[in-house]
Amino acid sequence: MNIEASGPRGLDRRRAPRFRYQAHLEIEWGSARLKARTRDISAGGMFIESEDVLWVGAGFRARFGKERPFWLLCSVKRVEPGLGMGVTFSLAEEQSQRHFQELLAKLAAAS
């Protein structure tokens, strides 16, 4: 995996390795509930595939995980119309942080 790949948008500025990972998630934005899925994920961000995208700077919560679900606090950093949005996130609870680190370790071992 090349995390410094360049393309039409220029150099990739990611600081953490990114892993291809598809999982369903539920976006909670105010009273709206949106269905989406991840395309790839890293320690501090992910790309969410969704027909319903928010704008750059929008904040929302996302319910992530099937077996041990937890909430991510997300902020939209970029939008690709018709495809989805790139977000950064944080995990509020220590237990969620452990679950997430376990997931990243499994993805790293598989790549």
C-alpha atoms as a PDB file:
ATOM      1  CA  MET A   1       0.000   0.000   0.000  1.00  0.00           C
ATOM      2  CA  ASN A   2       1.395   3.353  -0.993  1.00  0.00           C
ATOM      3  CA  ILE A   3       0.176   6.088   1.346  1.00  0.00           C
ATOM      4  CA  GLU A   4       2.062   8.802  -0.499  1.00  0.00           C
ATOM      5  CA  ALA A   5       0.474   8.183  -3.870  1.00  0.00           C
ATOM      6  CA  SER A   6      -0.138  11.178  -6.017  1.00  0.00           C
ATOM      7  CA  GLY A   7      -3.043  11.590  -8.348  1.00  0.00           C
ATOM      8  CA  PRO A   8      -5.215  14.263  -9.854  1.00  0.00           C
ATOM      9  CA  ARG A   9      -5.648  15.886  -6.448  1.00  0.00           C
ATOM     10  CA  GLY A  10      -1.924  15.985  -5.680  1.00  0.00           C
ATOM     11  CA  LEU A  11       0.014  14.378  -2.856  1.00  0.00           C
ATOM     12  CA  ASP A  12      -1.781  12.229  -0.349  1.00  0.00           C
ATOM     13  CA  ARG A  13      -1.322  13.894   3.051  1.00  0.00           C
ATOM     14  CA  ARG A  14      -2.532  11.021   5.225  1.00  0.00           C
ATOM     15  CA  ARG A  15      -0.456  10.362   8.323  1.00  0.00           C
ATOM     16  CA  ALA A  16      -1.736   6.858   9.079  1.00  0.00           C
ATOM     17  CA  PRO A  17      -1.922   3.749   6.888  1.00  0.00           C
ATOM     18  CA  ARG A  18      -5.283   3.311   5.196  1.00  0.00           C
ATOM     19  CA  PHE A  19      -6.975  -0.081   4.913  1.00  0.00           C
ATOM     20  CA  ARG A  20      -9.679  -1.167   2.516  1.00  0.00           C
ATOM     21  CA  TYR A  21     -12.631  -2.036   4.729  1.00  0.00           C
ATOM     22  CA  GLN A  22     -16.301  -2.231   3.863  1.00  0.00           C
ATOM     23  CA  ALA A  23     -18.831  -2.149   6.651  1.00  0.00           C
ATOM     24  CA  HIS A  24     -22.300  -0.743   7.065  1.00  0.00           C
ATOM     25  CA  LEU A  25     -22.787   2.216   9.345  1.00  0.00           C
ATOM     26  CA  GLU A  26     -25.604   4.449  10.436  1.00  0.00           C
ATOM     27  CA  ILE A  27     -25.158   8.209  10.343  1.00  0.00           C
ATOM     28  CA  GLU A  28     -27.017  10.247  12.945  1.00  0.00           C
ATOM     29  CA  TRP A  29     -27.267  13.887  11.888  1.00  0.00           C
ATOM     30  CA  GLY A  30     -29.761  15.817  13.995  1.00  0.00           C
ATOM     31  CA  SER A  31     -33.019  13.878  13.736  1.00  0.00           C
ATOM     32  CA  ALA A  32     -32.008  12.260  10.414  1.00  0.00           C
ATOM     33  CA  ARG A  33     -30.730   8.692  10.184  1.00  0.00           C
ATOM     34  CA  LEU A  34     -28.776   7.851   7.033  1.00  0.00           C
ATOM     35  CA  LYS A  35     -27.483   4.468   5.877  1.00  0.00           C
ATOM     36  CA  ALA A  36     -23.974   4.302   4.461  1.00  0.00           C
ATOM     37  CA  ARG A  37     -20.900   2.092   4.322  1.00  0.00           C
ATOM     38  CA  THR A  38     -17.180   2.513   4.654  1.00  0.00           C
ATOM     39  CA  ARG A  39     -14.831   2.158   1.699  1.00  0.00           C
ATOM     40  CA  ASP A  40     -11.558   2.448   3.595  1.00  0.00           C
ATOM     41  CA  ILE A  41     -10.424   3.388   7.065  1.00  0.00           C
ATOM     42  CA  SER A  42      -7.377   4.578   8.998  1.00  0.00           C
ATOM     43  CA  ALA A  43      -6.588   5.518  12.591  1.00  0.00           C
ATOM     44  CA  GLY A  44      -8.202   8.946  12.253  1.00  0.00           C
ATOM     45  CA  GLY A  45     -10.334   8.977   9.138  1.00  0.00           C
ATOM     46  CA  MET A  46     -12.380   7.044   6.618  1.00  0.00           C
ATOM     47  CA  PHE A  47     -14.207   7.383   3.357  1.00  0.00           C
ATOM     48  CA  ILE A  48     -17.960   6.847   3.627  1.00  0.00           C
ATOM     49  CA  GLU A  49     -19.880   5.792   0.535  1.00  0.00           C
ATOM     50  CA  SER A  50     -23.345   7.305   0.544  1.00  0.00           C
ATOM     51  CA  GLU A  51     -25.784   8.905  -1.858  1.00  0.00           C
ATOM     52  CA  ASP A  52     -26.654  11.346   0.918  1.00  0.00           C
ATOM     53  CA  VAL A  53     -23.547  13.418   1.569  1.00  0.00           C
ATOM     54  CA  LEU A  54     -23.150  16.326   3.953  1.00  0.00           C
ATOM     55  CA  TRP A  55     -21.033  19.422   3.335  1.00  0.00           C
ATOM     56  CA  VAL A  56     -17.415  20.068   4.289  1.00  0.00           C
ATOM     57  CA  GLY A  57     -17.300  21.002   7.966  1.00  0.00           C
ATOM     58  CA  ALA A  58     -20.544  19.209   8.903  1.00  0.00           C
ATOM     59  CA  GLY A  59     -20.408  17.153  12.087  1.00  0.00           C
ATOM     60  CA  PHE A  60     -22.324  13.964  12.837  1.00  0.00           C
ATOM     61  CA  ARG A  61     -22.255  10.719  14.787  1.00  0.00           C
ATOM     62  CA  ALA A  62     -21.837   7.347  13.101  1.00  0.00           C
ATOM     63  CA  ARG A  63     -22.713   3.988  14.631  1.00  0.00           C
ATOM     64  CA  PHE A  64     -19.922   1.648  13.592  1.00  0.00           C
ATOM     65  CA  GLY A  65     -19.458  -2.081  14.043  1.00  0.00           C
ATOM     66  CA  LYS A  66     -21.765  -5.046  14.016  1.00  0.00           C
ATOM     67  CA  GLU A  67     -20.646  -7.338  16.825  1.00  0.00           C
ATOM     68  CA  ARG A  68     -19.610  -4.601  19.266  1.00  0.00           C
ATOM     69  CA  PRO A  69     -21.071  -1.368  17.877  1.00  0.00           C
ATOM     70  CA  PHE A  70     -19.757   1.999  19.017  1.00  0.00           C
ATOM     71  CA  TRP A  71     -20.181   5.655  18.089  1.00  0.00           C
ATOM     72  CA  LEU A  72     -17.711   7.798  16.157  1.00  0.00           C
ATOM     73  CA  LEU A  73     -17.831  11.604  16.285  1.00  0.00           C
ATOM     74  CA  CYS A  74     -17.178  12.626  12.670  1.00  0.00           C
ATOM     75  CA  SER A  75     -16.372  15.774  10.720  1.00  0.00           C
ATOM     76  CA  VAL A  76     -16.587  15.977   6.914  1.00  0.00           C
ATOM     77  CA  LYS A  77     -13.261  16.988   5.328  1.00  0.00           C
ATOM     78  CA  ARG A  78     -14.013  16.423   1.658  1.00  0.00           C
ATOM     79  CA  VAL A  79     -16.951  15.480  -0.557  1.00  0.00           C
ATOM     80  CA  GLU A  80     -16.985  13.505  -3.786  1.00  0.00           C
ATOM     81  CA  PRO A  81     -20.449  14.153  -5.285  1.00  0.00           C
ATOM     82  CA  GLY A  82     -22.268  10.943  -6.139  1.00  0.00           C
ATOM     83  CA  LEU A  83     -19.688   8.833  -4.291  1.00  0.00           C
ATOM     84  CA  GLY A  84     -19.420   9.880  -0.669  1.00  0.00           C
ATOM     85  CA  MET A  85     -17.321  11.847   1.776  1.00  0.00           C
ATOM     86  CA  GLY A  86     -13.977  11.713   3.522  1.00  0.00           C
ATOM     87  CA  VAL A  87     -14.215  12.284   7.262  1.00  0.00           C
ATOM     88  CA  THR A  88     -12.033  12.498  10.319  1.00  0.00           C
ATOM     89  CA  PHE A  89     -13.339  11.048  13.567  1.00  0.00           C
ATOM     90  CA  SER A  90     -12.736  10.591  17.240  1.00  0.00           C
ATOM     91  CA  LEU A  91     -13.866   7.955  19.701  1.00  0.00           C
ATOM     92  CA  ALA A  92     -15.230   9.258  22.961  1.00  0.00           C
ATOM     93  CA  GLU A  93     -15.173   6.110  25.098  1.00  0.00           C
ATOM     94  CA  GLU A  94     -12.067   4.179  26.125  1.00  0.00           C
ATOM     95  CA  GLN A  95     -13.764   0.844  25.395  1.00  0.00           C
ATOM     96  CA  SER A  96     -14.599   2.031  21.865  1.00  0.00           C
ATOM     97  CA  GLN A  97     -10.971   3.030  21.372  1.00  0.00           C
ATOM     98  CA  ARG A  98      -9.847  -0.485  22.331  1.00  0.00           C
ATOM     99  CA  HIS A  99     -12.358  -2.110  19.951  1.00  0.00           C
ATOM    100  CA  PHE A 100     -11.253   0.178  17.140  1.00  0.00           C
ATOM    101  CA  GLN A 101      -7.540  -0.472  17.741  1.00  0.00           C
ATOM    102  CA  GLU A 102      -8.239  -4.222  17.644  1.00  0.00           C
ATOM    103  CA  LEU A 103      -9.945  -3.782  14.265  1.00  0.00           C
ATOM    104  CA  LEU A 104      -7.013  -1.798  12.852  1.00  0.00           C
ATOM    105  CA  ALA A 105      -4.557  -4.436  14.130  1.00  0.00           C
ATOM    106  CA  LYS A 106      -6.539  -7.181  12.344  1.00  0.00           C
ATOM    107  CA  LEU A 107      -6.636  -5.164   9.116  1.00  0.00           C
ATOM    108  CA  ALA A 108      -2.888  -4.460   9.313  1.00  0.00           C
ATOM    109  CA  ALA A 109      -2.114  -8.143   9.873  1.00  0.00           C
ATOM    110  CA  ALA A 110      -4.244  -9.123   6.868  1.00  0.00           C
ATOM    111  CA  SER A 111      -2.598  -6.654   4.484  1.00  0.00           C
END
